[in-house]
Amino acid sequence: MMNGMEGKVLLYETSSLPEAEILRGWFESNGIQAILHHDDCGGVSPGLTFSRGIRIFVEKKDESRARILLKEFLEGTWEEDSDESDY
């Protein structure tokens, strides 16, 4: 396993950076730290993200809750807090 990734589990893999960023925000807004791991050579070769993918890791202790949130996200049944408004 990569340095600093002890105690983390691979939750999901995608080739879409926007999807990965949205998922990270979704997890973090629900109290779960998510780590994105991808290599695009510092932005020099963004095509590597498509071929190698973006991996989303979470703490082992958060895995079951994160899998529920991931399922909601992928099925389109997730909802934002009703307290928040855009105005």
PDB file of N, CA and C in Angstrom:
ATOM      1  N   MET A   1       0.848  -1.181   0.000  1.00  0.00           N
ATOM      2  CA  MET A   1       0.000   0.000   0.000  1.00  0.00           C
ATOM      3  C   MET A   1       0.887   1.234   0.000  1.00  0.00           C
ATOM      4  N   MET A   2       0.374   2.319  -0.569  1.00  0.00           N
ATOM      5  CA  MET A   2       1.120   3.569  -0.669  1.00  0.00           C
ATOM      6  C   MET A   2       1.402   4.149   0.713  1.00  0.00           C
ATOM      7  N   ASN A   3       2.508   4.863   0.843  1.00  0.00           N
ATOM      8  CA  ASN A   3       2.833   5.525   2.107  1.00  0.00           C
ATOM      9  C   ASN A   3       1.684   6.409   2.561  1.00  0.00           C
ATOM     10  N   GLY A   4       1.391   6.392   3.847  1.00  0.00           N
ATOM     11  CA  GLY A   4       0.349   7.229   4.401  1.00  0.00           C
ATOM     12  C   GLY A   4      -1.056   6.700   4.181  1.00  0.00           C
ATOM     13  N   MET A   5      -1.180   5.521   3.587  1.00  0.00           N
ATOM     14  CA  MET A   5      -2.501   4.985   3.285  1.00  0.00           C
ATOM     15  C   MET A   5      -2.872   3.816   4.202  1.00  0.00           C
ATOM     16  N   GLU A   6      -2.071   3.574   5.231  1.00  0.00           N
ATOM     17  CA  GLU A   6      -2.386   2.512   6.176  1.00  0.00           C
ATOM     18  C   GLU A   6      -3.716   2.848   6.861  1.00  0.00           C
ATOM     19  N   GLY A   7      -4.552   1.848   7.020  1.00  0.00           N
ATOM     20  CA  GLY A   7      -5.846   2.055   7.666  1.00  0.00           C
ATOM     21  C   GLY A   7      -6.909   2.606   6.724  1.00  0.00           C
ATOM     22  N   LYS A   8      -6.563   2.775   5.458  1.00  0.00           N
ATOM     23  CA  LYS A   8      -7.499   3.291   4.465  1.00  0.00           C
ATOM     24  C   LYS A   8      -7.931   2.146   3.550  1.00  0.00           C
ATOM     25  N   VAL A   9      -9.130   2.237   3.015  1.00  0.00           N
ATOM     26  CA  VAL A   9      -9.616   1.232   2.077  1.00  0.00           C
ATOM     27  C   VAL A   9     -10.041   1.920   0.783  1.00  0.00           C
ATOM     28  N   LEU A  10      -9.824   1.223  -0.313  1.00  0.00           N
ATOM     29  CA  LEU A  10     -10.266   1.725  -1.606  1.00  0.00           C
ATOM     30  C   LEU A  10     -11.769   1.562  -1.678  1.00  0.00           C
ATOM     31  N   LEU A  11     -12.456   2.667  -1.885  1.00  0.00           N
ATOM     32  CA  LEU A  11     -13.908   2.653  -1.914  1.00  0.00           C
ATOM     33  C   LEU A  11     -14.450   2.664  -3.339  1.00  0.00           C
ATOM     34  N   TYR A  12     -13.810   3.435  -4.211  1.00  0.00           N
ATOM     35  CA  TYR A  12     -14.364   3.626  -5.544  1.00  0.00           C
ATOM     36  C   TYR A  12     -13.268   4.089  -6.481  1.00  0.00           C
ATOM     37  N   GLU A  13     -13.440   3.778  -7.753  1.00  0.00           N
ATOM     38  CA  GLU A  13     -12.487   4.223  -8.763  1.00  0.00           C
ATOM     39  C   GLU A  13     -13.265   4.770  -9.955  1.00  0.00           C
ATOM     40  N   THR A  14     -12.809   5.906 -10.485  1.00  0.00           N
ATOM     41  CA  THR A  14     -13.469   6.556 -11.608  1.00  0.00           C
ATOM     42  C   THR A  14     -12.411   7.198 -12.504  1.00  0.00           C
ATOM     43  N   SER A  15     -12.802   7.506 -13.725  1.00  0.00           N
ATOM     44  CA  SER A  15     -11.887   8.248 -14.601  1.00  0.00           C
ATOM     45  C   SER A  15     -12.293   9.718 -14.683  1.00  0.00           C
ATOM     46  N   SER A  16     -13.320  10.101 -13.937  1.00  0.00           N
ATOM     47  CA  SER A  16     -13.843  11.464 -13.968  1.00  0.00           C
ATOM     48  C   SER A  16     -13.415  12.239 -12.730  1.00  0.00           C
ATOM     49  N   LEU A  17     -12.538  13.228 -12.922  1.00  0.00           N
ATOM     50  CA  LEU A  17     -12.114  14.054 -11.791  1.00  0.00           C
ATOM     51  C   LEU A  17     -13.281  14.838 -11.191  1.00  0.00           C
ATOM     52  N   PRO A  18     -14.181  15.428 -12.004  1.00  0.00           N
ATOM     53  CA  PRO A  18     -15.325  16.114 -11.391  1.00  0.00           C
ATOM     54  C   PRO A  18     -16.177  15.180 -10.522  1.00  0.00           C
ATOM     55  N   GLU A  19     -16.418  13.956 -10.994  1.00  0.00           N
ATOM     56  CA  GLU A  19     -17.187  13.005 -10.189  1.00  0.00           C
ATOM     57  C   GLU A  19     -16.462  12.700  -8.883  1.00  0.00           C
ATOM     58  N   ALA A  20     -15.154  12.500  -8.948  1.00  0.00           N
ATOM     59  CA  ALA A  20     -14.377  12.210  -7.743  1.00  0.00           C
ATOM     60  C   ALA A  20     -14.430  13.373  -6.760  1.00  0.00           C
ATOM     61  N   GLU A  21     -14.332  14.598  -7.258  1.00  0.00           N
ATOM     62  CA  GLU A  21     -14.383  15.778  -6.380  1.00  0.00           C
ATOM     63  C   GLU A  21     -15.764  15.935  -5.745  1.00  0.00           C
ATOM     64  N   ILE A  22     -16.816  15.684  -6.510  1.00  0.00           N
ATOM     65  CA  ILE A  22     -18.172  15.756  -5.956  1.00  0.00           C
ATOM     66  C   ILE A  22     -18.346  14.702  -4.875  1.00  0.00           C
ATOM     67  N   LEU A  23     -17.876  13.490  -5.144  1.00  0.00           N
ATOM     68  CA  LEU A  23     -17.970  12.424  -4.140  1.00  0.00           C
ATOM     69  C   LEU A  23     -17.190  12.776  -2.880  1.00  0.00           C
ATOM     70  N   ARG A  24     -15.987  13.320  -3.044  1.00  0.00           N
ATOM     71  CA  ARG A  24     -15.211  13.704  -1.867  1.00  0.00           C
ATOM     72  C   ARG A  24     -15.986  14.728  -1.038  1.00  0.00           C
ATOM     73  N   GLY A  25     -16.555  15.714  -1.696  1.00  0.00           N
ATOM     74  CA  GLY A  25     -17.352  16.709  -0.983  1.00  0.00           C
ATOM     75  C   GLY A  25     -18.562  16.105  -0.292  1.00  0.00           C
ATOM     76  N   TRP A  26     -19.208  15.161  -0.956  1.00  0.00           N
ATOM     77  CA  TRP A  26     -20.386  14.469  -0.397  1.00  0.00           C
ATOM     78  C   TRP A  26     -19.986  13.701   0.857  1.00  0.00           C
ATOM     79  N   PHE A  27     -18.876  12.952   0.786  1.00  0.00           N
ATOM     80  CA  PHE A  27     -18.419  12.215   1.961  1.00  0.00           C
ATOM     81  C   PHE A  27     -18.048  13.174   3.088  1.00  0.00           C
ATOM     82  N   GLU A  28     -17.275  14.197   2.763  1.00  0.00           N
ATOM     83  CA  GLU A  28     -16.814  15.117   3.799  1.00  0.00           C
ATOM     84  C   GLU A  28     -17.963  15.903   4.426  1.00  0.00           C
ATOM     85  N   SER A  29     -19.000  16.218   3.652  1.00  0.00           N
ATOM     86  CA  SER A  29     -20.158  16.906   4.229  1.00  0.00           C
ATOM     87  C   SER A  29     -20.939  15.988   5.163  1.00  0.00           C
ATOM     88  N   ASN A  30     -20.652  14.692   5.070  1.00  0.00           N
ATOM     89  CA  ASN A  30     -21.269  13.708   5.960  1.00  0.00           C
ATOM     90  C   ASN A  30     -20.279  13.196   7.003  1.00  0.00           C
ATOM     91  N   GLY A  31     -19.192  13.939   7.218  1.00  0.00           N
ATOM     92  CA  GLY A  31     -18.249  13.628   8.289  1.00  0.00           C
ATOM     93  C   GLY A  31     -17.250  12.527   7.990  1.00  0.00           C
ATOM     94  N   ILE A  32     -17.075  12.188   6.708  1.00  0.00           N
ATOM     95  CA  ILE A  32     -16.134  11.129   6.335  1.00  0.00           C
ATOM     96  C   ILE A  32     -15.006  11.743   5.513  1.00  0.00           C
ATOM     97  N   GLN A  33     -13.778  11.585   5.996  1.00  0.00           N
ATOM     98  CA  GLN A  33     -12.628  12.087   5.244  1.00  0.00           C
ATOM     99  C   GLN A  33     -12.396  11.171   4.056  1.00  0.00           C
ATOM    100  N   ALA A  34     -12.282  11.755   2.888  1.00  0.00           N
ATOM    101  CA  ALA A  34     -12.014  10.990   1.664  1.00  0.00           C
ATOM    102  C   ALA A  34     -10.727  11.500   1.039  1.00  0.00           C
ATOM    103  N   ILE A  35      -9.928  10.582   0.539  1.00  0.00           N
ATOM    104  CA  ILE A  35      -8.652  10.920  -0.088  1.00  0.00           C
ATOM    105  C   ILE A  35      -8.713  10.492  -1.549  1.00  0.00           C
ATOM    106  N   LEU A  36      -8.395  11.428  -2.439  1.00  0.00           N
ATOM    107  CA  LEU A  36      -8.333  11.113  -3.859  1.00  0.00           C
ATOM    108  C   LEU A  36      -6.883  10.828  -4.215  1.00  0.00           C
ATOM    109  N   HIS A  37      -6.673   9.765  -4.962  1.00  0.00           N
ATOM    110  CA  HIS A  37      -5.322   9.445  -5.411  1.00  0.00           C
ATOM    111  C   HIS A  37      -5.354   9.272  -6.918  1.00  0.00           C
ATOM    112  N   HIS A  38      -4.613  10.135  -7.616  1.00  0.00           N
ATOM    113  CA  HIS A  38      -4.506  10.017  -9.067  1.00  0.00           C
ATOM    114  C   HIS A  38      -3.193  10.638  -9.503  1.00  0.00           C
ATOM    115  N   ASP A  39      -2.762  10.267 -10.687  1.00  0.00           N
ATOM    116  CA  ASP A  39      -1.485  10.760 -11.195  1.00  0.00           C
ATOM    117  C   ASP A  39      -1.678  11.304 -12.600  1.00  0.00           C
ATOM    118  N   ASP A  40      -1.454  12.594 -12.744  1.00  0.00           N
ATOM    119  CA  ASP A  40      -1.485  13.202 -14.078  1.00  0.00           C
ATOM    120  C   ASP A  40      -0.165  13.924 -14.352  1.00  0.00           C
ATOM    121  N   CYS A  41       0.886  13.453 -13.688  1.00  0.00           N
ATOM    122  CA  CYS A  41       2.235  14.035 -13.817  1.00  0.00           C
ATOM    123  C   CYS A  41       2.229  15.540 -13.543  1.00  0.00           C
ATOM    124  N   GLY A  42       1.557  15.918 -12.481  1.00  0.00           N
ATOM    125  CA  GLY A  42       1.521  17.327 -12.101  1.00  0.00           C
ATOM    126  C   GLY A  42       0.783  18.199 -13.103  1.00  0.00           C
ATOM    127  N   GLY A  43      -0.187  17.631 -13.808  1.00  0.00           N
ATOM    128  CA  GLY A  43      -0.963  18.387 -14.780  1.00  0.00           C
ATOM    129  C   GLY A  43      -0.365  18.363 -16.178  1.00  0.00           C
ATOM    130  N   VAL A  44       0.841  17.800 -16.311  1.00  0.00           N
ATOM    131  CA  VAL A  44       1.507  17.766 -17.612  1.00  0.00           C
ATOM    132  C   VAL A  44       0.843  16.755 -18.550  1.00  0.00           C
ATOM    133  N   SER A  45       0.327  15.682 -17.981  1.00  0.00           N
ATOM    134  CA  SER A  45      -0.268  14.624 -18.797  1.00  0.00           C
ATOM    135  C   SER A  45      -1.633  14.223 -18.248  1.00  0.00           C
ATOM    136  N   PRO A  46      -2.649  15.078 -18.423  1.00  0.00           N
ATOM    137  CA  PRO A  46      -3.966  14.784 -17.847  1.00  0.00           C
ATOM    138  C   PRO A  46      -4.583  13.498 -18.378  1.00  0.00           C
ATOM    139  N   GLY A  47      -4.155  13.022 -19.525  1.00  0.00           N
ATOM    140  CA  GLY A  47      -4.681  11.773 -20.067  1.00  0.00           C
ATOM    141  C   GLY A  47      -4.413  10.570 -19.181  1.00  0.00           C
ATOM    142  N   LEU A  48      -3.394  10.653 -18.323  1.00  0.00           N
ATOM    143  CA  LEU A  48      -3.104   9.545 -17.419  1.00  0.00           C
ATOM    144  C   LEU A  48      -4.256   9.286 -16.459  1.00  0.00           C
ATOM    145  N   THR A  49      -4.992  10.333 -16.101  1.00  0.00           N
ATOM    146  CA  THR A  49      -6.125  10.164 -15.208  1.00  0.00           C
ATOM    147  C   THR A  49      -7.148   9.214 -15.822  1.00  0.00           C
ATOM    148  N   PHE A  50      -7.342   9.312 -17.134  1.00  0.00           N
ATOM    149  CA  PHE A  50      -8.307   8.436 -17.800  1.00  0.00           C
ATOM    150  C   PHE A  50      -7.822   7.001 -17.857  1.00  0.00           C
ATOM    151  N   SER A  51      -6.533   6.810 -18.081  1.00  0.00           N
ATOM    152  CA  SER A  51      -6.027   5.446 -18.206  1.00  0.00           C
ATOM    153  C   SER A  51      -5.766   4.789 -16.857  1.00  0.00           C
ATOM    154  N   ARG A  52      -5.352   5.559 -15.887  1.00  0.00           N
ATOM    155  CA  ARG A  52      -5.030   4.998 -14.568  1.00  0.00           C
ATOM    156  C   ARG A  52      -6.165   5.158 -13.562  1.00  0.00           C
ATOM    157  N   GLY A  53      -7.055   6.088 -13.801  1.00  0.00           N
ATOM    158  CA  GLY A  53      -8.190   6.285 -12.907  1.00  0.00           C
ATOM    159  C   GLY A  53      -7.864   7.107 -11.671  1.00  0.00           C
ATOM    160  N   ILE A  54      -8.907   7.482 -10.999  1.00  0.00           N
ATOM    161  CA  ILE A  54      -8.825   8.227  -9.745  1.00  0.00           C
ATOM    162  C   ILE A  54      -9.393   7.311  -8.675  1.00  0.00           C
ATOM    163  N   ARG A  55      -8.633   7.070  -7.647  1.00  0.00           N
ATOM    164  CA  ARG A  55      -9.073   6.189  -6.582  1.00  0.00           C
ATOM    165  C   ARG A  55      -9.504   7.016  -5.376  1.00  0.00           C
ATOM    166  N   ILE A  56     -10.616   6.623  -4.788  1.00  0.00           N
ATOM    167  CA  ILE A  56     -11.130   7.303  -3.603  1.00  0.00           C
ATOM    168  C   ILE A  56     -10.982   6.351  -2.423  1.00  0.00           C
ATOM    169  N   PHE A  57     -10.242   6.813  -1.420  1.00  0.00           N
ATOM    170  CA  PHE A  57      -9.999   6.028  -0.215  1.00  0.00           C
ATOM    171  C   PHE A  57     -10.704   6.677   0.973  1.00  0.00           C
ATOM    172  N   VAL A  58     -11.139   5.852   1.919  1.00  0.00           N
ATOM    173  CA  VAL A  58     -11.695   6.321   3.190  1.00  0.00           C
ATOM    174  C   VAL A  58     -11.073   5.499   4.314  1.00  0.00           C
ATOM    175  N   GLU A  59     -11.216   5.985   5.529  1.00  0.00           N
ATOM    176  CA  GLU A  59     -10.748   5.241   6.700  1.00  0.00           C
ATOM    177  C   GLU A  59     -11.548   3.943   6.808  1.00  0.00           C
ATOM    178  N   LYS A  60     -10.882   2.882   7.228  1.00  0.00           N
ATOM    179  CA  LYS A  60     -11.532   1.577   7.398  1.00  0.00           C
ATOM    180  C   LYS A  60     -12.769   1.693   8.291  1.00  0.00           C
ATOM    181  N   LYS A  61     -12.677   2.505   9.347  1.00  0.00           N
ATOM    182  CA  LYS A  61     -13.790   2.644  10.288  1.00  0.00           C
ATOM    183  C   LYS A  61     -15.016   3.306   9.650  1.00  0.00           C
ATOM    184  N   ASP A  62     -14.827   4.040   8.563  1.00  0.00           N
ATOM    185  CA  ASP A  62     -15.930   4.733   7.886  1.00  0.00           C
ATOM    186  C   ASP A  62     -16.452   3.983   6.659  1.00  0.00           C
ATOM    187  N   GLU A  63     -15.866   2.825   6.375  1.00  0.00           N
ATOM    188  CA  GLU A  63     -16.165   2.140   5.116  1.00  0.00           C
ATOM    189  C   GLU A  63     -17.649   1.814   4.934  1.00  0.00           C
ATOM    190  N   SER A  64     -18.296   1.222   5.925  1.00  0.00           N
ATOM    191  CA  SER A  64     -19.694   0.804   5.717  1.00  0.00           C
ATOM    192  C   SER A  64     -20.601   2.009   5.493  1.00  0.00           C
ATOM    193  N   ARG A  65     -20.410   3.065   6.252  1.00  0.00           N
ATOM    194  CA  ARG A  65     -21.226   4.274   6.058  1.00  0.00           C
ATOM    195  C   ARG A  65     -20.934   4.917   4.703  1.00  0.00           C
ATOM    196  N   ALA A  66     -19.661   4.938   4.322  1.00  0.00           N
ATOM    197  CA  ALA A  66     -19.272   5.513   3.036  1.00  0.00           C
ATOM    198  C   ALA A  66     -19.875   4.707   1.879  1.00  0.00           C
ATOM    199  N   ARG A  67     -19.949   3.395   2.020  1.00  0.00           N
ATOM    200  CA  ARG A  67     -20.547   2.569   0.959  1.00  0.00           C
ATOM    201  C   ARG A  67     -22.041   2.870   0.800  1.00  0.00           C
ATOM    202  N   ILE A  68     -22.718   3.135   1.888  1.00  0.00           N
ATOM    203  CA  ILE A  68     -24.132   3.519   1.817  1.00  0.00           C
ATOM    204  C   ILE A  68     -24.276   4.847   1.086  1.00  0.00           C
ATOM    205  N   LEU A  69     -23.438   5.823   1.448  1.00  0.00           N
ATOM    206  CA  LEU A  69     -23.475   7.132   0.786  1.00  0.00           C
ATOM    207  C   LEU A  69     -23.115   7.011  -0.690  1.00  0.00           C
ATOM    208  N   LEU A  70     -22.139   6.165  -1.009  1.00  0.00           N
ATOM    209  CA  LEU A  70     -21.752   5.955  -2.399  1.00  0.00           C
ATOM    210  C   LEU A  70     -22.911   5.358  -3.189  1.00  0.00           C
ATOM    211  N   LYS A  71     -23.592   4.395  -2.616  1.00  0.00           N
ATOM    212  CA  LYS A  71     -24.745   3.773  -3.288  1.00  0.00           C
ATOM    213  C   LYS A  71     -25.824   4.821  -3.561  1.00  0.00           C
ATOM    214  N   GLU A  72     -26.106   5.663  -2.571  1.00  0.00           N
ATOM    215  CA  GLU A  72     -27.099   6.736  -2.757  1.00  0.00           C
ATOM    216  C   GLU A  72     -26.675   7.658  -3.893  1.00  0.00           C
ATOM    217  N   PHE A  73     -25.404   7.997  -3.927  1.00  0.00           N
ATOM    218  CA  PHE A  73     -24.888   8.887  -4.968  1.00  0.00           C
ATOM    219  C   PHE A  73     -25.039   8.253  -6.345  1.00  0.00           C
ATOM    220  N   LEU A  74     -24.600   7.008  -6.474  1.00  0.00           N
ATOM    221  CA  LEU A  74     -24.626   6.339  -7.770  1.00  0.00           C
ATOM    222  C   LEU A  74     -26.051   6.071  -8.259  1.00  0.00           C
ATOM    223  N   GLU A  75     -26.977   5.868  -7.328  1.00  0.00           N
ATOM    224  CA  GLU A  75     -28.372   5.632  -7.701  1.00  0.00           C
ATOM    225  C   GLU A  75     -29.147   6.934  -7.888  1.00  0.00           C
ATOM    226  N   GLY A  76     -28.529   8.049  -7.532  1.00  0.00           N
ATOM    227  CA  GLY A  76     -29.194   9.339  -7.676  1.00  0.00           C
ATOM    228  C   GLY A  76     -30.233   9.617  -6.603  1.00  0.00           C
ATOM    229  N   THR A  77     -30.119   8.931  -5.464  1.00  0.00           N
ATOM    230  CA  THR A  77     -31.104   9.128  -4.392  1.00  0.00           C
ATOM    231  C   THR A  77     -30.579  10.003  -3.266  1.00  0.00           C
ATOM    232  N   TRP A  78     -29.378  10.559  -3.439  1.00  0.00           N
ATOM    233  CA  TRP A  78     -28.803  11.416  -2.403  1.00  0.00           C
ATOM    234  C   TRP A  78     -29.472  12.779  -2.438  1.00  0.00           C
ATOM    235  N   GLU A  79     -29.550  13.408  -1.281  1.00  0.00           N
ATOM    236  CA  GLU A  79     -30.154  14.735  -1.182  1.00  0.00           C
ATOM    237  C   GLU A  79     -29.271  15.618  -0.325  1.00  0.00           C
ATOM    238  N   GLU A  80     -29.253  16.886  -0.679  1.00  0.00           N
ATOM    239  CA  GLU A  80     -28.530  17.853   0.137  1.00  0.00           C
ATOM    240  C   GLU A  80     -29.394  18.212   1.333  1.00  0.00           C
ATOM    241  N   ASP A  81     -28.762  18.775   2.361  1.00  0.00           N
ATOM    242  CA  ASP A  81     -29.502  19.206   3.543  1.00  0.00           C
ATOM    243  C   ASP A  81     -30.585  20.182   3.149  1.00  0.00           C
ATOM    244  N   SER A  82     -31.760  20.017   3.724  1.00  0.00           N
ATOM    245  CA  SER A  82     -32.866  20.911   3.399  1.00  0.00           C
ATOM    246  C   SER A  82     -32.698  22.279   4.074  1.00  0.00           C
ATOM    247  N   ASP A  83     -31.750  22.403   5.028  1.00  0.00           N
ATOM    248  CA  ASP A  83     -31.516  23.673   5.719  1.00  0.00           C
ATOM    249  C   ASP A  83     -30.855  24.695   4.794  1.00  0.00           C
ATOM    250  N   GLU A  84     -30.101  24.206   3.837  1.00  0.00           N
ATOM    251  CA  GLU A  84     -29.326  25.095   2.986  1.00  0.00           C
ATOM    252  C   GLU A  84     -30.191  25.653   1.859  1.00  0.00           C
ATOM    253  N   SER A  85     -29.911  26.886   1.513  1.00  0.00           N
ATOM    254  CA  SER A  85     -30.617  27.481   0.382  1.00  0.00           C
ATOM    255  C   SER A  85     -29.621  28.291  -0.444  1.00  0.00           C
ATOM    256  N   ASP A  86     -29.986  28.524  -1.668  1.00  0.00           N
ATOM    257  CA  ASP A  86     -29.122  29.275  -2.555  1.00  0.00           C
ATOM    258  C   ASP A  86     -29.427  30.768  -2.546  1.00  0.00           C
ATOM    259  N   TYR A  87     -30.324  31.183  -1.711  1.00  0.00           N
ATOM    260  CA  TYR A  87     -30.651  32.602  -1.679  1.00  0.00           C
ATOM    261  C   TYR A  87     -30.611  33.151  -0.294  1.00  0.00           C
TER     262      TYR A  87
END
